[in-house]
């Protein structure tokens, strides 16, 4: 079992920045790729960014490329999402999730943190 706890959400004006953090506990953190997802009202959950277990590879949704940066610290069991130049369409609940390296399935999810970007 992996427990994930997000923090750092809030209300910010368009053009502003936020940093989300996710702390993991339970099984060894470096056994998992990590992803940040978001879900806007009335929309499906979408992958925002993903980082491999070593941190060597990152993947971003086209809508956030150049504005968001995902990183991880395996010594602190944390994954972060630095969000800059925020837009109202970035509003939603942001979730971190752990993906098993072998099965490539996101089997563990945090409770989510709300990000609201005002225009």
N, C-alpha and C. Protein backbone atom coordinates (compact mmCIF):
# COMPACT_ATOMS: atom_id res chain seq x y z
N UNK A 1 0.83 -1.19 0.00
CA UNK A 1 0.00 0.00 0.00
C UNK A 1 0.87 1.25 0.00
N UNK A 2 0.48 2.23 -0.77
CA UNK A 2 1.16 3.52 -0.82
C UNK A 2 0.14 4.60 -0.46
N UNK A 3 0.47 5.40 0.51
CA UNK A 3 -0.40 6.52 0.88
C UNK A 3 0.19 7.80 0.32
N UNK A 4 -0.66 8.58 -0.35
CA UNK A 4 -0.23 9.82 -0.98
C UNK A 4 -1.03 10.98 -0.42
N UNK A 5 -0.34 12.03 -0.05
CA UNK A 5 -1.00 13.21 0.51
C UNK A 5 -0.51 14.45 -0.23
N UNK A 6 -1.46 15.13 -0.91
CA UNK A 6 -1.13 16.35 -1.65
C UNK A 6 -1.31 17.58 -0.79
N UNK A 7 -0.60 18.62 -1.17
CA UNK A 7 -0.77 19.93 -0.53
C UNK A 7 -0.33 21.00 -1.52
N UNK A 8 -0.71 22.24 -1.20
CA UNK A 8 -0.23 23.36 -2.00
C UNK A 8 -1.25 24.00 -2.91
N UNK A 9 -2.45 23.44 -2.97
CA UNK A 9 -3.47 24.05 -3.81
C UNK A 9 -3.96 25.37 -3.23
N UNK A 10 -4.78 26.07 -4.01
CA UNK A 10 -5.32 27.33 -3.53
C UNK A 10 -5.90 28.15 -4.65
N UNK A 11 -6.16 29.41 -4.33
CA UNK A 11 -6.72 30.36 -5.29
C UNK A 11 -5.62 31.30 -5.74
N UNK A 12 -5.49 31.47 -7.05
CA UNK A 12 -4.45 32.33 -7.60
C UNK A 12 -5.00 33.05 -8.82
N UNK A 13 -4.49 34.23 -9.08
CA UNK A 13 -4.91 34.97 -10.26
C UNK A 13 -4.21 34.43 -11.51
N UNK A 14 -4.85 34.62 -12.63
CA UNK A 14 -4.24 34.22 -13.89
C UNK A 14 -2.86 34.85 -14.03
N UNK A 15 -1.92 34.06 -14.51
CA UNK A 15 -0.54 34.52 -14.62
C UNK A 15 0.31 34.21 -13.41
N UNK A 16 -0.32 33.79 -12.34
CA UNK A 16 0.40 33.49 -11.12
C UNK A 16 0.98 32.08 -11.10
N UNK A 17 1.53 31.72 -9.94
CA UNK A 17 2.21 30.44 -9.79
C UNK A 17 1.74 29.74 -8.52
N UNK A 18 1.82 28.41 -8.56
CA UNK A 18 1.58 27.57 -7.39
C UNK A 18 2.53 26.39 -7.47
N UNK A 19 2.83 25.86 -6.30
CA UNK A 19 3.65 24.65 -6.25
C UNK A 19 2.88 23.60 -5.45
N UNK A 20 2.60 22.49 -6.10
CA UNK A 20 1.94 21.37 -5.43
C UNK A 20 2.98 20.35 -4.98
N UNK A 21 2.73 19.76 -3.84
CA UNK A 21 3.61 18.72 -3.34
C UNK A 21 2.80 17.49 -2.98
N UNK A 22 3.44 16.35 -3.06
CA UNK A 22 2.80 15.08 -2.71
C UNK A 22 3.82 14.25 -1.94
N UNK A 23 3.44 13.86 -0.75
CA UNK A 23 4.31 13.04 0.08
C UNK A 23 3.79 11.61 0.10
N UNK A 24 4.68 10.68 -0.12
CA UNK A 24 4.30 9.27 -0.16
C UNK A 24 4.81 8.54 1.07
N UNK A 25 4.06 7.56 1.49
CA UNK A 25 4.50 6.68 2.58
C UNK A 25 4.02 5.27 2.26
N UNK A 26 4.70 4.32 2.87
CA UNK A 26 4.34 2.92 2.63
C UNK A 26 5.46 2.21 1.91
N UNK A 27 5.19 1.70 0.76
CA UNK A 27 6.18 0.95 -0.01
C UNK A 27 7.26 1.88 -0.54
N UNK A 28 8.43 1.33 -0.89
CA UNK A 28 9.53 2.18 -1.37
C UNK A 28 9.11 3.10 -2.52
N UNK A 29 9.32 4.38 -2.32
CA UNK A 29 8.87 5.40 -3.28
C UNK A 29 9.51 5.20 -4.64
N UNK A 30 10.76 4.76 -4.66
CA UNK A 30 11.48 4.63 -5.94
C UNK A 30 11.01 3.42 -6.75
N UNK A 31 10.05 2.68 -6.25
CA UNK A 31 9.47 1.59 -7.03
C UNK A 31 8.39 2.08 -7.99
N UNK A 32 8.09 3.38 -7.95
CA UNK A 32 6.95 3.89 -8.68
C UNK A 32 7.29 5.09 -9.54
N UNK A 33 6.77 5.08 -10.77
CA UNK A 33 6.67 6.32 -11.52
C UNK A 33 5.55 7.12 -10.85
N UNK A 34 5.60 8.43 -10.99
CA UNK A 34 4.60 9.28 -10.36
C UNK A 34 3.95 10.18 -11.39
N UNK A 35 2.67 10.43 -11.20
CA UNK A 35 1.95 11.30 -12.11
C UNK A 35 1.12 12.32 -11.36
N UNK A 36 0.91 13.45 -12.01
CA UNK A 36 -0.06 14.45 -11.54
C UNK A 36 -1.20 14.47 -12.55
N UNK A 37 -2.39 14.34 -12.05
CA UNK A 37 -3.60 14.40 -12.86
C UNK A 37 -4.45 15.58 -12.39
N UNK A 38 -5.38 15.99 -13.22
CA UNK A 38 -6.34 16.99 -12.78
C UNK A 38 -7.71 16.67 -13.36
N UNK A 39 -8.72 17.15 -12.64
CA UNK A 39 -10.09 16.98 -13.10
C UNK A 39 -10.84 18.28 -12.91
N UNK A 40 -11.28 18.83 -14.02
CA UNK A 40 -12.08 20.05 -13.99
C UNK A 40 -13.56 19.67 -13.90
N UNK A 41 -14.38 20.58 -13.39
CA UNK A 41 -15.81 20.28 -13.28
C UNK A 41 -16.41 19.86 -14.61
N UNK A 42 -17.10 18.74 -14.62
CA UNK A 42 -17.76 18.26 -15.82
C UNK A 42 -16.84 17.62 -16.85
N UNK A 43 -15.57 17.47 -16.48
CA UNK A 43 -14.62 16.89 -17.44
C UNK A 43 -13.99 15.63 -16.85
N UNK A 44 -13.40 14.84 -17.72
CA UNK A 44 -12.72 13.64 -17.27
C UNK A 44 -11.35 13.99 -16.67
N UNK A 45 -10.89 13.10 -15.82
CA UNK A 45 -9.56 13.28 -15.26
C UNK A 45 -8.54 13.13 -16.37
N UNK A 46 -7.53 14.01 -16.38
CA UNK A 46 -6.50 13.96 -17.40
C UNK A 46 -5.11 13.99 -16.78
N UNK A 47 -4.18 13.35 -17.47
CA UNK A 47 -2.80 13.37 -17.03
C UNK A 47 -2.19 14.72 -17.35
N UNK A 48 -1.58 15.33 -16.36
CA UNK A 48 -0.92 16.62 -16.54
C UNK A 48 0.57 16.42 -16.77
N UNK A 49 1.19 15.59 -15.93
CA UNK A 49 2.63 15.35 -16.03
C UNK A 49 2.96 14.03 -15.36
N UNK A 50 4.05 13.45 -15.85
CA UNK A 50 4.47 12.16 -15.30
C UNK A 50 5.99 12.17 -15.21
N UNK A 51 6.53 11.46 -14.23
CA UNK A 51 7.98 11.37 -14.05
C UNK A 51 8.32 9.94 -13.70
N UNK A 52 9.40 9.44 -14.31
CA UNK A 52 9.79 8.07 -14.04
C UNK A 52 10.40 7.92 -12.65
N UNK A 53 10.58 6.68 -12.22
CA UNK A 53 11.01 6.40 -10.85
C UNK A 53 12.34 7.09 -10.53
N UNK A 54 13.22 7.20 -11.52
CA UNK A 54 14.54 7.80 -11.29
C UNK A 54 14.54 9.31 -11.48
N UNK A 55 13.47 9.81 -12.07
CA UNK A 55 13.44 11.23 -12.40
C UNK A 55 14.07 11.55 -13.74
N UNK A 56 14.52 10.55 -14.45
CA UNK A 56 15.26 10.79 -15.68
C UNK A 56 14.35 11.26 -16.83
N UNK A 57 13.10 10.82 -16.80
CA UNK A 57 12.19 11.14 -17.91
C UNK A 57 10.91 11.78 -17.39
N UNK A 58 10.52 12.84 -18.07
CA UNK A 58 9.26 13.51 -17.74
C UNK A 58 8.41 13.64 -19.00
N UNK A 59 7.11 13.62 -18.79
CA UNK A 59 6.15 13.75 -19.88
C UNK A 59 5.11 14.77 -19.44
N UNK A 60 4.70 15.62 -20.37
CA UNK A 60 3.72 16.66 -20.05
C UNK A 60 2.59 16.67 -21.07
N UNK A 61 1.41 17.03 -20.59
CA UNK A 61 0.31 17.30 -21.50
C UNK A 61 0.66 18.53 -22.33
N UNK A 62 0.21 18.56 -23.57
CA UNK A 62 0.52 19.69 -24.45
C UNK A 62 0.06 21.01 -23.84
N UNK A 63 -1.04 20.96 -23.11
CA UNK A 63 -1.62 22.19 -22.57
C UNK A 63 -0.78 22.83 -21.48
N UNK A 64 0.17 22.10 -20.90
CA UNK A 64 0.96 22.65 -19.80
C UNK A 64 2.45 22.72 -20.13
N UNK A 65 2.86 22.25 -21.28
CA UNK A 65 4.27 22.27 -21.64
C UNK A 65 4.82 23.69 -21.60
N UNK A 66 5.99 23.82 -20.99
CA UNK A 66 6.61 25.12 -20.88
C UNK A 66 6.13 25.94 -19.70
N UNK A 67 5.06 25.49 -19.03
CA UNK A 67 4.52 26.23 -17.89
C UNK A 67 4.63 25.43 -16.58
N UNK A 68 4.53 24.13 -16.68
CA UNK A 68 4.57 23.27 -15.50
C UNK A 68 5.86 22.45 -15.49
N UNK A 69 6.36 22.16 -14.31
CA UNK A 69 7.54 21.32 -14.15
C UNK A 69 7.30 20.30 -13.04
N UNK A 70 7.46 19.04 -13.37
CA UNK A 70 7.33 17.97 -12.38
C UNK A 70 8.73 17.56 -11.93
N UNK A 71 8.86 17.28 -10.64
CA UNK A 71 10.15 16.84 -10.10
C UNK A 71 9.89 15.91 -8.92
N UNK A 72 10.91 15.20 -8.54
CA UNK A 72 10.77 14.30 -7.40
C UNK A 72 12.06 14.25 -6.60
N UNK A 73 11.93 13.93 -5.33
CA UNK A 73 13.07 13.74 -4.44
C UNK A 73 12.85 12.40 -3.75
N UNK A 74 13.57 11.40 -4.21
CA UNK A 74 13.37 10.05 -3.66
C UNK A 74 13.90 9.93 -2.23
N UNK A 75 14.75 10.86 -1.81
CA UNK A 75 15.23 10.80 -0.43
C UNK A 75 14.18 11.32 0.55
N UNK A 76 13.24 12.10 0.02
CA UNK A 76 12.18 12.67 0.86
C UNK A 76 10.80 12.12 0.51
N UNK A 77 10.76 11.16 -0.43
CA UNK A 77 9.49 10.56 -0.84
C UNK A 77 8.47 11.60 -1.29
N UNK A 78 8.94 12.56 -2.05
CA UNK A 78 8.05 13.62 -2.51
C UNK A 78 8.11 13.80 -4.03
N UNK A 79 6.98 14.19 -4.57
CA UNK A 79 6.91 14.61 -5.97
C UNK A 79 6.21 15.96 -5.97
N UNK A 80 6.71 16.86 -6.80
CA UNK A 80 6.19 18.21 -6.83
C UNK A 80 5.77 18.60 -8.24
N UNK A 81 4.89 19.59 -8.30
CA UNK A 81 4.47 20.14 -9.58
C UNK A 81 4.52 21.66 -9.45
N UNK A 82 5.49 22.27 -10.11
CA UNK A 82 5.61 23.72 -10.14
C UNK A 82 4.79 24.23 -11.31
N UNK A 83 3.82 25.07 -11.00
CA UNK A 83 2.92 25.58 -12.03
C UNK A 83 3.09 27.08 -12.16
N UNK A 84 3.38 27.54 -13.36
CA UNK A 84 3.58 28.96 -13.61
C UNK A 84 2.67 29.40 -14.75
N UNK A 85 2.56 30.72 -14.90
CA UNK A 85 1.71 31.29 -15.95
C UNK A 85 0.34 30.62 -15.98
N UNK A 86 -0.24 30.50 -14.81
CA UNK A 86 -1.50 29.77 -14.70
C UNK A 86 -2.63 30.46 -15.44
N UNK A 87 -3.53 29.64 -15.98
CA UNK A 87 -4.66 30.11 -16.74
C UNK A 87 -5.95 29.62 -16.08
N UNK A 88 -7.05 30.30 -16.31
CA UNK A 88 -8.32 29.84 -15.73
C UNK A 88 -8.64 28.38 -16.09
N UNK A 89 -8.23 27.96 -17.26
CA UNK A 89 -8.50 26.57 -17.67
C UNK A 89 -7.65 25.55 -16.94
N UNK A 90 -6.72 26.00 -16.11
CA UNK A 90 -5.96 25.09 -15.25
C UNK A 90 -6.72 24.75 -13.98
N UNK A 91 -7.84 25.39 -13.77
CA UNK A 91 -8.65 25.14 -12.57
C UNK A 91 -9.12 23.70 -12.52
N UNK A 92 -9.05 23.12 -11.32
CA UNK A 92 -9.52 21.76 -11.13
C UNK A 92 -8.95 21.17 -9.86
N UNK A 93 -9.31 19.92 -9.62
CA UNK A 93 -8.73 19.18 -8.51
C UNK A 93 -7.53 18.41 -9.05
N UNK A 94 -6.41 18.59 -8.39
CA UNK A 94 -5.17 17.97 -8.82
C UNK A 94 -4.86 16.78 -7.90
N UNK A 95 -4.53 15.66 -8.53
CA UNK A 95 -4.25 14.43 -7.81
C UNK A 95 -2.84 13.94 -8.15
N UNK A 96 -2.14 13.44 -7.17
CA UNK A 96 -0.93 12.70 -7.50
C UNK A 96 -1.25 11.22 -7.44
N UNK A 97 -0.53 10.45 -8.22
CA UNK A 97 -0.78 9.02 -8.32
C UNK A 97 0.53 8.28 -8.54
N UNK A 98 0.57 7.06 -8.04
CA UNK A 98 1.75 6.21 -8.16
C UNK A 98 1.48 5.10 -9.17
N UNK A 99 2.42 4.94 -10.10
CA UNK A 99 2.28 3.93 -11.14
C UNK A 99 3.31 2.83 -10.94
N UNK A 100 2.84 1.62 -10.83
CA UNK A 100 3.73 0.47 -10.69
C UNK A 100 4.61 0.34 -11.92
N UNK A 101 5.91 0.23 -11.71
CA UNK A 101 6.86 0.17 -12.83
C UNK A 101 6.60 -1.03 -13.73
N UNK A 102 6.23 -2.14 -13.13
CA UNK A 102 6.05 -3.37 -13.90
C UNK A 102 4.71 -3.39 -14.65
N UNK A 103 3.64 -3.03 -13.97
CA UNK A 103 2.31 -3.13 -14.57
C UNK A 103 1.90 -1.86 -15.31
N UNK A 104 2.59 -0.76 -15.01
CA UNK A 104 2.26 0.54 -15.62
C UNK A 104 0.83 0.98 -15.28
N UNK A 105 0.35 0.54 -14.17
CA UNK A 105 -0.99 0.93 -13.73
C UNK A 105 -0.88 1.89 -12.55
N UNK A 106 -1.71 2.93 -12.58
CA UNK A 106 -1.78 3.84 -11.45
C UNK A 106 -2.69 3.21 -10.39
N UNK A 107 -2.07 2.64 -9.40
CA UNK A 107 -2.84 1.89 -8.41
C UNK A 107 -3.11 2.64 -7.12
N UNK A 108 -2.42 3.77 -6.92
CA UNK A 108 -2.57 4.52 -5.68
C UNK A 108 -2.76 5.99 -5.99
N UNK A 109 -3.73 6.60 -5.30
CA UNK A 109 -4.10 7.98 -5.56
C UNK A 109 -4.19 8.76 -4.26
N UNK A 110 -3.86 10.04 -4.37
CA UNK A 110 -4.08 10.93 -3.24
C UNK A 110 -5.51 11.42 -3.22
N UNK A 111 -5.83 12.22 -2.21
CA UNK A 111 -7.20 12.69 -2.04
C UNK A 111 -7.51 13.92 -2.91
N UNK A 112 -6.48 14.53 -3.45
CA UNK A 112 -6.66 15.68 -4.33
C UNK A 112 -6.53 17.00 -3.61
N UNK A 113 -6.13 18.02 -4.35
CA UNK A 113 -6.05 19.38 -3.84
C UNK A 113 -6.61 20.34 -4.89
N UNK A 114 -7.42 21.28 -4.43
CA UNK A 114 -8.12 22.18 -5.36
C UNK A 114 -7.20 23.31 -5.80
N UNK A 115 -7.18 23.55 -7.10
CA UNK A 115 -6.50 24.70 -7.67
C UNK A 115 -7.54 25.52 -8.42
N UNK A 116 -7.64 26.78 -8.07
CA UNK A 116 -8.58 27.68 -8.73
C UNK A 116 -7.83 28.88 -9.25
N UNK A 117 -7.94 29.12 -10.55
CA UNK A 117 -7.28 30.24 -11.19
C UNK A 117 -8.34 31.24 -11.65
N UNK A 118 -8.30 32.42 -11.10
CA UNK A 118 -9.29 33.44 -11.44
C UNK A 118 -8.78 34.31 -12.59
N UNK A 119 -9.71 34.77 -13.38
CA UNK A 119 -9.34 35.60 -14.54
C UNK A 119 -9.30 37.07 -14.18
